[in-house]
């Protein structure tokens, strides 16, 4: 991913990255076969990596599942701690191994530790530090992938206008990296280039440049001798995109190298509107699910079924989790559904997957998971499925009488076992009924669960299935949110808001002529936390400076705020001479 100085948001990029996301935001990688794989036990001394057991390329990549990214660290700009993470310690890799991961991807950015002119010498202290970190991971019996990371957009992207200079620097970089690690064990893999992108090029041109770099990388490493003569080399598609045209080009390039020790890599961050909550993509719905299954199908058909191992070098959601935002862009239950299904599709596709962690999953200071429930679901998906329901919330309007509520069961191949609250099973027939895939909570049960009907979550119940993790359902009392008039300027507008137990899903913005208002002009549904952001503790709803400055002067924009309860609130804003006013419609 392309990085920024925001310590957790390395997921924004230049034109190549954005193009790749909008084309497919694609995914996944290949393993040993299309059969499922098991999570390692990590018994002492039993690692294939430490025993140097000879495995085929497909077997090696299979043995790397599951994988984890040391993101925003050695790839940070300009230095290891610049994006908010502490220096890497061996204890970090001890933790990762103990948590069931078999491999780590260690992204490395070399630009600020390398001369920008020939002979493009990499600073010896930096190389020593990279080797120290790699050796720590290897000593834990983990497979390791290292690469050339943010250099991809810092200078490699200039290849169309500085072809010879970029190629020379790329070769010089890999010549030095290969020499340093030539005697490292075969459990170390080299990855050519992260998310290849080239300025002002068509896909066809970009594919040619990417193929040229992959070929140069292959030649330099193989000629460096030692264990590099047979080391597994990881080759990316253009943008690490798994669209069919990019996969076909990658396969063609790999065949031309006539080398059995090659691995294909792509990335996957879900269907773009869902991944960042834009254009109405608030749910992991049929469209987002199809994007996921289609991408894995392409990987199976184009790569895995033909014996080409695939390493999905990064996966997740582009904007979830993000502990530095006032509110999550993606609704929690919808995110959980994505991660659950992703793990399943990877398993049946024979794909090894590397979780992108900029430190939103593992707190690098405490070595504790920030969200144990989320990581436990991800870990469960490595070996089994978990059932879900159509929503993780039941909203009960406080101003109305409580009535029965129905959710759709998604057993995902499991068997529904019942509903629990506080460790006790609810009574079927009295508290809930099941008809086909419809789970109905009775008015009697919901009245008891709602208690005093204070705004917010009154009770959390669990739908349990024959295997996997329970699915939590939050019984929530709300009333339609109330917004008030407000004034602001081009730095933004904060709307006083009484959320009254509800949560914001998205914002729709239009002008009277039907055109879209806001910085994202191709859709009326603006991007969560970019154009607008809820402040639940502060009882506010912020329209950002980015949104306000995009508004036409002296032209009223109509905003419709959509909430997860199903409630909507309409609000009008007008910008005039640098000031902005908001009024309740």
Protein backbone atom coordinates (compact mmCIF):
# COMPACT_ATOMS: atom_id res chain seq x y z
CA UNK A 1 0.00 0.00 0.00
CA UNK A 2 0.97 3.55 -0.56
CA UNK A 3 1.63 5.35 2.66
CA UNK A 4 0.97 8.73 4.18
CA UNK A 5 2.18 10.30 7.40
CA UNK A 6 -1.05 9.16 9.05
CA UNK A 7 0.24 6.19 11.03
CA UNK A 8 -2.68 3.91 10.25
CA UNK A 9 -3.72 4.90 6.75
CA UNK A 10 -1.23 3.50 4.32
CA UNK A 11 -4.07 2.61 2.05
CA UNK A 12 -4.23 5.77 0.02
CA UNK A 13 -2.24 6.11 -3.10
CA UNK A 14 -1.29 7.85 -6.25
CA UNK A 15 -3.14 7.43 -9.53
CA UNK A 16 -1.94 3.89 -10.01
CA UNK A 17 -3.26 2.79 -6.63
CA UNK A 18 -6.62 4.48 -7.07
CA UNK A 19 -7.01 3.03 -10.54
CA UNK A 20 -6.23 -0.41 -9.22
CA UNK A 21 -8.84 -0.08 -6.50
CA UNK A 22 -11.56 1.17 -8.79
CA UNK A 23 -10.84 -1.50 -11.38
CA UNK A 24 -11.27 -4.33 -8.94
CA UNK A 25 -9.58 -3.87 -5.57
CA UNK A 26 -8.74 -7.41 -5.93
CA UNK A 27 -7.26 -10.28 -4.11
CA UNK A 28 -5.80 -13.41 -3.12
CA UNK A 29 -3.16 -15.94 -3.53
CA UNK A 30 -2.44 -19.53 -4.11
CA UNK A 31 -1.54 -22.42 -1.92
CA UNK A 32 -0.91 -26.07 -2.27
CA UNK A 33 -4.21 -27.17 -3.76
CA UNK A 34 -7.86 -26.30 -3.58
CA UNK A 35 -8.26 -28.21 -0.35
CA UNK A 36 -8.49 -26.59 3.06
CA UNK A 37 -5.44 -26.15 5.24
CA UNK A 38 -5.03 -26.29 9.00
CA UNK A 39 -3.58 -23.75 11.38
CA UNK A 40 -0.16 -24.87 12.65
CA UNK A 41 0.27 -26.16 16.15
CA UNK A 42 3.76 -24.62 16.35
CA UNK A 43 5.09 -27.49 18.40
CA UNK A 44 8.64 -26.84 19.49
CA UNK A 45 11.11 -27.65 16.75
CA UNK A 46 8.40 -28.78 14.33
CA UNK A 47 8.53 -25.90 11.83
CA UNK A 48 9.32 -26.75 8.23
CA UNK A 49 11.08 -23.42 8.02
CA UNK A 50 13.49 -24.28 10.80
CA UNK A 51 14.02 -27.88 9.75
CA UNK A 52 14.66 -26.90 6.13
CA UNK A 53 12.34 -29.64 4.95
CA UNK A 54 12.36 -29.60 1.16
CA UNK A 55 8.92 -28.55 -0.05
CA UNK A 56 7.63 -27.80 -3.50
CA UNK A 57 6.85 -24.13 -4.25
CA UNK A 58 3.15 -24.92 -3.81
CA UNK A 59 3.90 -26.72 -0.57
CA UNK A 60 6.04 -23.89 0.73
CA UNK A 61 3.39 -21.26 0.10
CA UNK A 62 0.83 -23.56 1.71
CA UNK A 63 3.06 -23.85 4.76
CA UNK A 64 3.11 -20.04 5.01
CA UNK A 65 -0.62 -19.82 5.79
CA UNK A 66 -1.61 -17.75 7.70
CA UNK A 67 0.58 -14.69 7.21
CA UNK A 68 0.84 -11.24 8.81
CA UNK A 69 2.23 -7.88 7.67
CA UNK A 70 4.63 -5.78 9.72
CA UNK A 71 3.07 -2.66 8.19
CA UNK A 72 4.02 1.00 8.70
CA UNK A 73 7.37 0.07 10.21
CA UNK A 74 10.41 -0.66 8.04
CA UNK A 75 8.33 0.73 5.17
CA UNK A 76 7.58 3.97 7.03
CA UNK A 77 8.90 7.23 5.62
CA UNK A 78 11.51 8.38 6.37
CA UNK A 79 12.33 5.96 9.19
CA UNK A 80 11.12 2.99 11.20
CA UNK A 81 9.18 4.91 13.87
CA UNK A 82 7.99 7.80 11.67
CA UNK A 83 4.42 6.49 11.36
CA UNK A 84 3.78 5.87 15.02
CA UNK A 85 5.03 2.34 15.63
CA UNK A 86 7.76 1.52 18.15
CA UNK A 87 10.99 -0.14 16.99
CA UNK A 88 10.60 -3.82 16.16
CA UNK A 89 11.69 -6.33 18.80
CA UNK A 90 12.07 -10.08 18.68
CA UNK A 91 9.23 -10.30 21.21
CA UNK A 92 6.92 -9.06 18.46
CA UNK A 93 7.67 -12.11 16.31
CA UNK A 94 7.42 -14.38 19.35
CA UNK A 95 3.89 -13.04 19.78
CA UNK A 96 2.97 -13.44 16.12
CA UNK A 97 4.15 -17.04 16.10
CA UNK A 98 2.35 -17.82 19.36
CA UNK A 99 -0.86 -16.44 17.82
CA UNK A 100 -0.78 -19.06 15.07
CA UNK A 101 0.83 -17.18 12.19
CA UNK A 102 3.30 -19.14 10.10
CA UNK A 103 4.83 -16.31 8.09
CA UNK A 104 5.37 -12.57 8.10
CA UNK A 105 5.71 -10.06 5.31
CA UNK A 106 8.18 -7.34 6.20
CA UNK A 107 7.68 -4.40 3.83
CA UNK A 108 10.83 -2.28 3.44
CA UNK A 109 11.17 1.19 1.93
CA UNK A 110 14.75 1.89 0.87
CA UNK A 111 14.48 5.37 -0.66
CA UNK A 112 15.50 7.48 2.33
CA UNK A 113 18.36 5.11 3.14
CA UNK A 114 19.87 5.05 -0.33
CA UNK A 115 21.77 7.48 -2.53
CA UNK A 116 19.56 8.81 -5.31
CA UNK A 117 22.39 8.74 -7.85
CA UNK A 118 24.65 5.96 -9.09
CA UNK A 119 25.78 3.64 -7.63
CA UNK A 120 22.60 3.96 -5.50
CA UNK A 121 24.30 2.72 -2.35
CA UNK A 122 22.04 1.55 0.48
CA UNK A 123 23.11 2.80 3.90
CA UNK A 124 24.93 0.00 5.73
CA UNK A 125 23.20 0.77 9.04
CA UNK A 126 19.80 0.44 7.42
CA UNK A 127 20.71 -2.81 5.72
CA UNK A 128 22.01 -4.15 9.02
CA UNK A 129 18.77 -3.18 10.77
CA UNK A 130 16.64 -4.84 8.10
CA UNK A 131 18.71 -8.00 8.37
CA UNK A 132 18.42 -7.99 12.15
CA UNK A 133 14.63 -7.84 11.96
CA UNK A 134 14.48 -10.52 9.27
CA UNK A 135 16.78 -12.79 11.26
CA UNK A 136 14.61 -12.42 14.37
CA UNK A 137 11.58 -13.62 12.43
CA UNK A 138 13.49 -16.47 10.80
CA UNK A 139 14.85 -17.61 14.17
CA UNK A 140 11.26 -18.02 15.35
CA UNK A 141 10.65 -20.52 12.56
CA UNK A 142 8.55 -18.09 10.55
CA UNK A 143 8.69 -17.80 6.80
CA UNK A 144 9.56 -14.22 5.80
CA UNK A 145 8.84 -12.08 2.74
CA UNK A 146 10.81 -8.86 2.15
CA UNK A 147 10.37 -6.43 -0.72
CA UNK A 148 10.93 -3.02 -2.25
CA UNK A 149 7.86 -1.23 -0.90
CA UNK A 150 6.99 2.50 -1.05
CA UNK A 151 9.84 3.01 -3.50
CA UNK A 152 7.18 1.88 -5.98
CA UNK A 153 5.55 5.32 -5.97
CA UNK A 154 8.48 7.39 -4.74
CA UNK A 155 10.70 6.81 -7.76
CA UNK A 156 9.86 3.57 -9.59
CA UNK A 157 6.63 5.15 -10.85
CA UNK A 158 8.79 7.60 -12.85
CA UNK A 159 9.93 4.82 -15.17
CA UNK A 160 7.96 6.14 -18.17
CA UNK A 161 9.98 9.39 -18.12
CA UNK A 162 13.23 8.07 -16.62
CA UNK A 163 13.37 4.53 -17.91
CA UNK A 164 17.11 3.91 -17.75
CA UNK A 165 17.61 5.67 -14.43
CA UNK A 166 14.80 3.81 -12.70
CA UNK A 167 15.88 0.46 -14.11
CA UNK A 168 19.48 1.05 -13.02
CA UNK A 169 18.45 2.02 -9.51
CA UNK A 170 16.03 -0.93 -9.25
CA UNK A 171 18.76 -3.37 -10.31
CA UNK A 172 21.27 -1.77 -7.94
CA UNK A 173 18.81 -2.03 -5.07
CA UNK A 174 18.16 -5.71 -5.60
CA UNK A 175 21.84 -6.42 -6.22
CA UNK A 176 22.62 -5.14 -2.73
CA UNK A 177 19.62 -6.79 -1.05
CA UNK A 178 20.35 -10.11 -2.75
CA UNK A 179 24.01 -9.98 -1.70
CA UNK A 180 23.09 -9.33 1.93
CA UNK A 181 20.64 -12.23 2.11
CA UNK A 182 22.24 -14.69 -0.34
CA UNK A 183 23.00 -17.17 2.45
CA UNK A 184 19.71 -16.77 4.32
CA UNK A 185 17.61 -19.94 4.45
CA UNK A 186 15.03 -20.82 1.83
CA UNK A 187 12.30 -19.75 4.26
CA UNK A 188 13.10 -16.17 3.20
CA UNK A 189 11.29 -15.03 0.06
CA UNK A 190 11.94 -11.92 -2.06
CA UNK A 191 9.08 -9.87 -3.49
CA UNK A 192 9.95 -7.76 -6.53
CA UNK A 193 7.97 -4.56 -5.96
CA UNK A 194 4.93 -3.53 -3.92
CA UNK A 195 1.80 -2.46 -5.82
CA UNK A 196 3.60 -1.60 -9.08
CA UNK A 197 2.34 1.63 -10.60
CA UNK A 198 3.63 3.93 -13.32
CA UNK A 199 2.77 7.57 -13.84
CA UNK A 200 0.59 8.60 -16.78
CA UNK A 201 0.38 5.19 -18.42
CA UNK A 202 -2.32 2.94 -19.79
CA UNK A 203 -2.78 -0.53 -18.33
CA UNK A 204 -1.07 -2.01 -21.36
CA UNK A 205 1.96 0.23 -20.89
CA UNK A 206 2.02 -0.40 -17.15
CA UNK A 207 1.96 -4.14 -17.71
CA UNK A 208 5.02 -3.87 -19.96
CA UNK A 209 6.95 -1.83 -17.38
CA UNK A 210 5.95 -4.23 -14.60
CA UNK A 211 7.06 -7.22 -16.65
CA UNK A 212 10.39 -5.53 -17.35
CA UNK A 213 11.00 -4.93 -13.65
CA UNK A 214 9.97 -8.46 -12.68
CA UNK A 215 12.35 -9.83 -15.30
CA UNK A 216 15.20 -7.62 -14.10
CA UNK A 217 14.51 -8.61 -10.48
CA UNK A 218 14.59 -12.29 -11.43
CA UNK A 219 17.86 -11.96 -13.33
CA UNK A 220 19.65 -9.98 -10.61
CA UNK A 221 18.63 -12.33 -7.80
CA UNK A 222 19.35 -15.56 -9.67
CA UNK A 223 22.81 -14.33 -10.71
CA UNK A 224 23.72 -13.42 -7.13
CA UNK A 225 24.30 -17.06 -6.21
CA UNK A 226 24.08 -18.78 -2.86
CA UNK A 227 20.58 -19.72 -1.81
CA UNK A 228 19.29 -17.03 -4.17
CA UNK A 229 19.81 -19.46 -7.04
CA UNK A 230 16.66 -21.33 -6.03
CA UNK A 231 14.97 -18.96 -3.55
CA UNK A 232 11.24 -18.45 -4.08
CA UNK A 233 10.67 -15.13 -5.84
CA UNK A 234 7.33 -13.36 -5.53
CA UNK A 235 6.12 -11.49 -8.61
CA UNK A 236 3.26 -8.95 -8.48
CA UNK A 237 0.69 -8.14 -11.11
CA UNK A 238 0.31 -4.48 -12.10
CA UNK A 239 -1.18 -2.69 -9.06
CA UNK A 240 -1.24 -6.18 -7.45
CA UNK A 241 -4.68 -6.25 -9.06
CA UNK A 242 -6.40 -9.57 -9.72
CA UNK A 243 -8.47 -8.43 -12.66
CA UNK A 244 -8.29 -10.99 -15.44
CA UNK A 245 -6.14 -8.88 -17.75
CA UNK A 246 -3.55 -8.36 -15.00
CA UNK A 247 -3.49 -12.04 -14.02
CA UNK A 248 -3.13 -13.15 -17.63
CA UNK A 249 -0.20 -10.77 -18.11
CA UNK A 250 1.45 -12.01 -14.93
CA UNK A 251 1.10 -15.64 -15.97
CA UNK A 252 2.60 -14.83 -19.36
CA UNK A 253 5.56 -13.11 -17.74
CA UNK A 254 6.14 -15.96 -15.33
CA UNK A 255 6.07 -18.53 -18.13
CA UNK A 256 8.68 -16.58 -20.08
CA UNK A 257 11.09 -16.87 -17.13
CA UNK A 258 10.89 -20.68 -17.22
CA UNK A 259 11.56 -20.94 -13.49
CA UNK A 260 9.57 -23.29 -11.20
CA UNK A 261 10.43 -21.30 -8.07
CA UNK A 262 8.12 -18.36 -8.70
CA UNK A 263 5.10 -17.18 -6.71
CA UNK A 264 2.34 -14.83 -7.86
CA UNK A 265 1.05 -12.09 -5.57
CA UNK A 266 -2.00 -9.83 -5.53
CA UNK A 267 -3.79 -7.78 -2.84
CA UNK A 268 -7.45 -7.59 -1.86
CA UNK A 269 -9.31 -4.90 0.08
CA UNK A 270 -12.90 -5.76 -0.89
CA UNK A 271 -15.33 -3.95 -3.14
CA UNK A 272 -14.22 -0.33 -3.03
CA UNK A 273 -17.52 1.34 -2.00
CA UNK A 274 -17.88 -1.05 0.92
CA UNK A 275 -14.21 -0.89 1.90
CA UNK A 276 -14.31 2.88 2.49
CA UNK A 277 -18.10 3.42 2.87
CA UNK A 278 -18.84 5.51 -0.19
CA UNK A 279 -21.52 5.44 -2.90
CA UNK A 280 -23.98 3.74 -0.56
CA UNK A 281 -21.68 0.78 0.11
CA UNK A 282 -22.68 0.48 3.74
CA UNK A 283 -23.21 -3.28 3.79
CA UNK A 284 -21.36 -6.45 2.88
CA UNK A 285 -24.21 -7.13 0.49
CA UNK A 286 -24.61 -9.34 -2.58
CA UNK A 287 -22.50 -6.97 -4.69
CA UNK A 288 -19.60 -6.95 -2.23
CA UNK A 289 -19.86 -10.71 -1.76
CA UNK A 290 -19.79 -11.31 -5.52
CA UNK A 291 -16.71 -9.14 -5.84
CA UNK A 292 -15.02 -11.38 -3.28
CA UNK A 293 -16.08 -14.70 -4.79
CA UNK A 294 -15.32 -13.57 -8.35
CA UNK A 295 -11.80 -12.55 -7.38
CA UNK A 296 -11.04 -15.86 -5.72
CA UNK A 297 -12.54 -17.71 -8.68
CA UNK A 298 -10.14 -15.89 -11.02
CA UNK A 299 -7.21 -16.78 -8.79
CA UNK A 300 -8.22 -20.43 -8.70
CA UNK A 301 -8.85 -20.70 -12.42
CA UNK A 302 -5.90 -18.64 -13.65
CA UNK A 303 -3.21 -19.55 -11.13
CA UNK A 304 -3.84 -22.20 -8.47
CA UNK A 305 -5.44 -24.75 -10.79
CA UNK A 306 -2.42 -24.45 -13.08
CA UNK A 307 0.06 -25.13 -10.29
CA UNK A 308 1.12 -21.51 -9.73
CA UNK A 309 1.38 -20.71 -6.01
CA UNK A 310 -0.20 -17.44 -4.95
CA UNK A 311 0.63 -15.29 -1.96
CA UNK A 312 -2.07 -12.72 -1.21
CA UNK A 313 0.33 -10.18 0.23
CA UNK A 314 -2.24 -7.82 1.77
CA UNK A 315 -5.89 -8.07 2.69
CA UNK A 316 -8.36 -6.26 4.90
CA UNK A 317 -10.64 -3.27 4.49
CA UNK A 318 -9.20 0.07 3.43
CA UNK A 319 -10.75 1.94 6.34
CA UNK A 320 -11.46 -0.65 9.03
CA UNK A 321 -10.40 -0.90 11.73
CA UNK A 322 -9.02 2.60 12.26
CA UNK A 323 -8.59 3.57 15.89
CA UNK A 324 -7.57 7.12 14.97
CA UNK A 325 -10.97 8.09 13.58
CA UNK A 326 -13.83 9.36 15.76
CA UNK A 327 -16.14 6.62 14.47
CA UNK A 328 -15.68 3.47 12.35
CA UNK A 329 -16.52 3.87 8.67
CA UNK A 330 -17.66 0.29 8.31
CA UNK A 331 -20.41 -1.06 10.57
CA UNK A 332 -18.93 -3.70 12.85
CA UNK A 333 -21.21 -6.58 11.96
CA UNK A 334 -20.76 -5.96 8.24
CA UNK A 335 -16.97 -5.96 8.68
CA UNK A 336 -17.14 -9.23 10.61
CA UNK A 337 -19.14 -10.83 7.78
CA UNK A 338 -16.47 -9.78 5.30
CA UNK A 339 -13.57 -11.23 7.29
CA UNK A 340 -15.48 -14.46 7.94
CA UNK A 341 -16.28 -15.02 4.27
CA UNK A 342 -12.82 -13.95 3.14
CA UNK A 343 -11.19 -16.64 5.26
CA UNK A 344 -13.53 -19.29 3.87
CA UNK A 345 -13.00 -18.32 0.22
CA UNK A 346 -9.24 -18.32 0.73
CA UNK A 347 -9.37 -21.81 2.24
CA UNK A 348 -11.43 -23.40 -0.52
CA UNK A 349 -9.32 -21.65 -3.15
CA UNK A 350 -5.98 -22.84 -1.82
CA UNK A 351 -4.84 -19.29 -1.13
CA UNK A 352 -2.36 -18.09 1.50
CA UNK A 353 -3.32 -14.72 2.94
CA UNK A 354 -1.33 -11.99 4.72
CA UNK A 355 -3.34 -9.68 6.99
CA UNK A 356 -2.34 -6.05 6.50
CA UNK A 357 -1.61 -4.62 9.94
CA UNK A 358 -0.43 -1.03 10.13
CA UNK A 359 -0.92 -1.56 13.88
CA UNK A 360 -4.69 -1.39 13.90
CA UNK A 361 -4.87 -5.05 14.86
CA UNK A 362 -1.86 -5.63 17.12
CA UNK A 363 -0.81 -2.94 19.55
CA UNK A 364 2.94 -2.99 19.01
CA UNK A 365 3.62 -1.39 22.40
CA UNK A 366 1.66 -3.87 24.52
CA UNK A 367 1.75 -6.83 22.09
CA UNK A 368 -1.98 -7.27 22.71
CA UNK A 369 -4.75 -7.38 20.11
CA UNK A 370 -6.72 -4.15 20.04
CA UNK A 371 -9.95 -5.99 19.21
CA UNK A 372 -9.82 -9.60 20.42
CA UNK A 373 -13.29 -10.39 19.06
CA UNK A 374 -12.27 -9.35 15.55
CA UNK A 375 -8.96 -11.21 15.52
CA UNK A 376 -10.61 -14.30 17.00
CA UNK A 377 -13.07 -14.37 14.12
CA UNK A 378 -10.23 -13.99 11.62
CA UNK A 379 -8.34 -16.83 13.29
CA UNK A 380 -11.46 -19.01 13.36
CA UNK A 381 -11.94 -18.47 9.62
CA UNK A 382 -8.59 -20.16 8.97
CA UNK A 383 -10.15 -23.54 9.74
CA UNK A 384 -13.96 -23.29 9.87
CA UNK A 385 -17.01 -21.17 9.18
CA UNK A 386 -19.13 -19.13 11.58
CA UNK A 387 -22.82 -18.37 11.20
CA UNK A 388 -24.15 -14.82 11.04
CA UNK A 389 -27.47 -13.02 10.72
CA UNK A 390 -28.62 -10.23 8.42
CA UNK A 391 -27.67 -7.64 11.05
CA UNK A 392 -25.89 -7.52 14.38
CA UNK A 393 -28.44 -5.02 15.72
CA UNK A 394 -32.12 -4.97 16.51
CA UNK A 395 -33.39 -1.40 16.84
CA UNK A 396 -36.39 -0.72 19.07
CA UNK A 397 -37.94 2.74 18.78
CA UNK A 398 -38.45 4.11 22.29
CA UNK A 399 -41.47 6.18 21.31
CA UNK A 400 -43.29 3.08 20.02
CA UNK A 401 -44.51 -0.18 21.52
CA UNK A 402 -42.12 -3.10 21.24
CA UNK A 403 -43.05 -5.65 18.59
CA UNK A 404 -41.39 -8.83 17.33
CA UNK A 405 -38.32 -8.42 15.13
CA UNK A 406 -37.04 -10.80 12.46
CA UNK A 407 -33.48 -11.40 11.24
CA UNK A 408 -32.32 -13.67 8.44
CA UNK A 409 -30.04 -16.51 9.50
CA UNK A 410 -26.89 -17.12 7.46
CA UNK A 411 -25.64 -20.47 8.81
CA UNK A 412 -22.77 -20.62 6.26
CA UNK A 413 -22.87 -24.40 6.24
CA UNK A 414 -23.35 -24.76 9.99
CA UNK A 415 -26.49 -25.65 11.94
CA UNK A 416 -28.34 -23.08 14.03
CA UNK A 417 -28.42 -24.12 17.71
CA UNK A 418 -30.35 -21.34 19.40
CA UNK A 419 -30.12 -17.94 21.09
CA UNK A 420 -28.32 -17.24 24.37
CA UNK A 421 -28.29 -14.29 26.78
CA UNK A 422 -25.91 -14.00 29.72
CA UNK A 423 -24.92 -17.63 29.31
CA UNK A 424 -28.51 -18.93 29.37
CA UNK A 425 -30.37 -20.32 26.40
CA UNK A 426 -33.57 -18.50 25.49
CA UNK A 427 -36.69 -20.61 25.13
CA UNK A 428 -37.71 -21.41 21.58
CA UNK A 429 -41.40 -20.70 21.08
CA UNK A 430 -41.58 -18.23 23.93
CA UNK A 431 -38.52 -16.02 23.28
CA UNK A 432 -37.88 -16.72 19.64
CA UNK A 433 -39.14 -18.74 16.71
CA UNK A 434 -37.39 -20.12 13.64
CA UNK A 435 -39.11 -20.56 10.29
CA UNK A 436 -36.76 -21.61 7.51
CA UNK A 437 -33.93 -19.08 7.68
CA UNK A 438 -36.02 -16.49 9.55
CA UNK A 439 -35.19 -15.92 13.22
CA UNK A 440 -37.88 -13.94 15.03
CA UNK A 441 -37.38 -12.50 18.51
CA UNK A 442 -40.74 -12.18 20.24
CA UNK A 443 -42.09 -8.96 21.73
CA UNK A 444 -42.04 -10.63 25.15
CA UNK A 445 -38.35 -11.42 24.94
CA UNK A 446 -37.40 -8.04 23.49
CA UNK A 447 -39.36 -6.22 26.20
CA UNK A 448 -37.44 -8.13 28.84
CA UNK A 449 -34.11 -7.53 27.08
CA UNK A 450 -34.76 -3.80 26.56
CA UNK A 451 -35.15 -3.30 30.30
CA UNK A 452 -35.57 0.37 31.16
CA UNK A 453 -35.24 1.26 27.47
CA UNK A 454 -32.38 3.68 27.90
CA UNK A 455 -30.93 4.91 24.61
CA UNK A 456 -28.22 2.66 23.24
CA UNK A 457 -27.48 -1.04 23.65
CA UNK A 458 -29.73 -2.56 26.32
CA UNK A 459 -28.65 -6.19 25.94
CA UNK A 460 -26.44 -8.38 23.77
CA UNK A 461 -27.63 -11.83 22.79
CA UNK A 462 -25.83 -14.56 20.86
CA UNK A 463 -26.99 -16.66 17.95
CA UNK A 464 -25.00 -19.89 18.25
CA UNK A 465 -24.24 -22.41 15.55
CA UNK A 466 -22.81 -25.93 15.43
CA UNK A 467 -19.29 -24.63 14.87
CA UNK A 468 -17.37 -21.39 14.64
CA UNK A 469 -17.95 -18.36 16.86
CA UNK A 470 -21.28 -17.08 18.23
CA UNK A 471 -22.87 -14.16 16.43
CA UNK A 472 -23.59 -11.22 18.72
CA UNK A 473 -26.83 -9.26 18.28
CA UNK A 474 -27.17 -5.95 20.11
CA UNK A 475 -30.69 -5.04 21.24
CA UNK A 476 -30.70 -1.25 20.91
CA UNK A 477 -33.19 1.42 21.96
CA UNK A 478 -33.35 4.57 19.85
CA UNK A 479 -35.48 7.45 18.68
CA UNK A 480 -35.07 9.39 15.47
CA UNK A 481 -31.95 11.58 15.81
CA UNK A 482 -32.44 15.33 16.18
CA UNK A 483 -30.18 17.84 14.38
CA UNK A 484 -30.05 21.58 15.05
CA UNK A 485 -29.21 24.70 13.06
CA UNK A 486 -25.54 25.62 12.92
CA UNK A 487 -23.02 28.04 11.42
CA UNK A 488 -19.43 27.52 10.42
CA UNK A 489 -16.80 28.43 7.87
CA UNK A 490 -14.54 26.75 5.35
CA UNK A 491 -12.77 24.87 8.16
CA UNK A 492 -15.96 22.87 8.61
CA UNK A 493 -19.42 22.86 10.13
CA UNK A 494 -20.31 21.02 13.33
CA UNK A 495 -24.02 20.23 13.57
CA UNK A 496 -25.34 19.76 17.13
CA UNK A 497 -26.86 16.27 17.05
CA UNK A 498 -28.81 14.19 19.53
CA UNK A 499 -28.19 10.66 18.29
CA UNK A 500 -30.61 9.16 20.82
CA UNK A 501 -29.18 5.68 20.59
CA UNK A 502 -28.85 5.56 16.79
CA UNK A 503 -25.72 5.37 14.65
CA UNK A 504 -24.90 7.11 11.37
CA UNK A 505 -24.62 4.94 8.25
CA UNK A 506 -24.06 7.41 5.40
CA UNK A 507 -24.83 10.88 4.02
CA UNK A 508 -26.49 11.71 0.72
CA UNK A 509 -25.83 15.19 -0.73
CA UNK A 510 -27.52 16.78 -3.76
CA UNK A 511 -28.45 20.13 -5.25
CA UNK A 512 -31.92 21.15 -6.37
CA UNK A 513 -30.99 20.50 -10.01
CA UNK A 514 -30.35 16.85 -9.17
CA UNK A 515 -26.56 16.99 -9.37
CA UNK A 516 -24.37 15.64 -6.61
CA UNK A 517 -22.96 17.90 -3.90
CA UNK A 518 -19.64 17.18 -2.25
CA UNK A 519 -16.07 16.30 -3.19
CA UNK A 520 -17.08 12.93 -4.66
CA UNK A 521 -19.15 14.12 -7.60
CA UNK A 522 -19.79 10.70 -9.16
CA UNK A 523 -22.16 9.65 -6.38
CA UNK A 524 -24.54 11.45 -4.02
CA UNK A 525 -23.38 9.23 -1.13
CA UNK A 526 -20.23 10.87 0.21
CA UNK A 527 -17.30 9.13 1.86
CA UNK A 528 -17.59 8.46 5.60
CA UNK A 529 -14.97 10.33 7.69
CA UNK A 530 -13.83 12.22 4.59
CA UNK A 531 -16.87 14.40 3.86
CA UNK A 532 -18.69 13.91 7.16
CA UNK A 533 -17.99 12.30 10.52
CA UNK A 534 -20.12 11.63 13.60
CA UNK A 535 -18.92 12.62 17.06
CA UNK A 536 -21.07 10.51 19.34
CA UNK A 537 -19.52 11.52 22.69
CA UNK A 538 -19.57 15.20 21.71
CA UNK A 539 -23.13 15.13 20.32
CA UNK A 540 -21.96 16.53 17.03
CA UNK A 541 -21.90 15.73 13.33
CA UNK A 542 -19.01 17.27 11.44
CA UNK A 543 -19.15 18.36 7.81
CA UNK A 544 -15.44 18.47 7.01
CA UNK A 545 -13.54 21.32 5.40
CA UNK A 546 -13.13 19.08 2.36
CA UNK A 547 -16.90 18.84 2.00
CA UNK A 548 -17.63 22.49 2.78
CA UNK A 549 -15.02 23.79 0.33
CA UNK A 550 -16.46 21.63 -2.44
CA UNK A 551 -19.88 23.27 -2.19
CA UNK A 552 -21.08 25.77 -4.79
CA UNK A 553 -21.37 29.32 -3.48
CA UNK A 554 -24.87 30.60 -2.77
CA UNK A 555 -26.43 27.25 -3.72
CA UNK A 556 -28.33 25.21 -1.17
CA UNK A 557 -27.34 21.59 -0.83
CA UNK A 558 -29.77 19.10 0.60
CA UNK A 559 -28.28 16.44 2.86
CA UNK A 560 -30.04 13.25 3.86
CA UNK A 561 -28.45 11.46 6.80
CA UNK A 562 -29.16 7.74 6.85
CA UNK A 563 -28.99 5.93 10.17
CA UNK A 564 -28.65 2.23 10.91
CA UNK A 565 -32.11 2.08 12.49
CA UNK A 566 -33.56 3.01 9.10
CA UNK A 567 -34.31 6.57 10.21
CA UNK A 568 -33.40 9.49 7.94
CA UNK A 569 -32.98 13.19 8.70
CA UNK A 570 -32.92 15.91 6.03
CA UNK A 571 -30.72 18.97 6.48
CA UNK A 572 -29.85 21.97 4.29
CA UNK A 573 -26.47 23.71 4.00
CA UNK A 574 -25.45 26.83 2.08
CA UNK A 575 -21.98 28.32 1.65
CA UNK A 576 -21.73 32.08 1.15
CA UNK A 577 -18.52 34.15 1.09
CA UNK A 578 -16.54 31.70 3.18
CA UNK A 579 -19.25 31.09 5.75
CA UNK A 580 -21.62 28.15 5.84
CA UNK A 581 -25.03 27.81 7.45
CA UNK A 582 -26.97 24.68 8.21
CA UNK A 583 -30.68 24.43 8.88
CA UNK A 584 -33.07 21.62 9.65
CA UNK A 585 -35.26 20.93 6.64
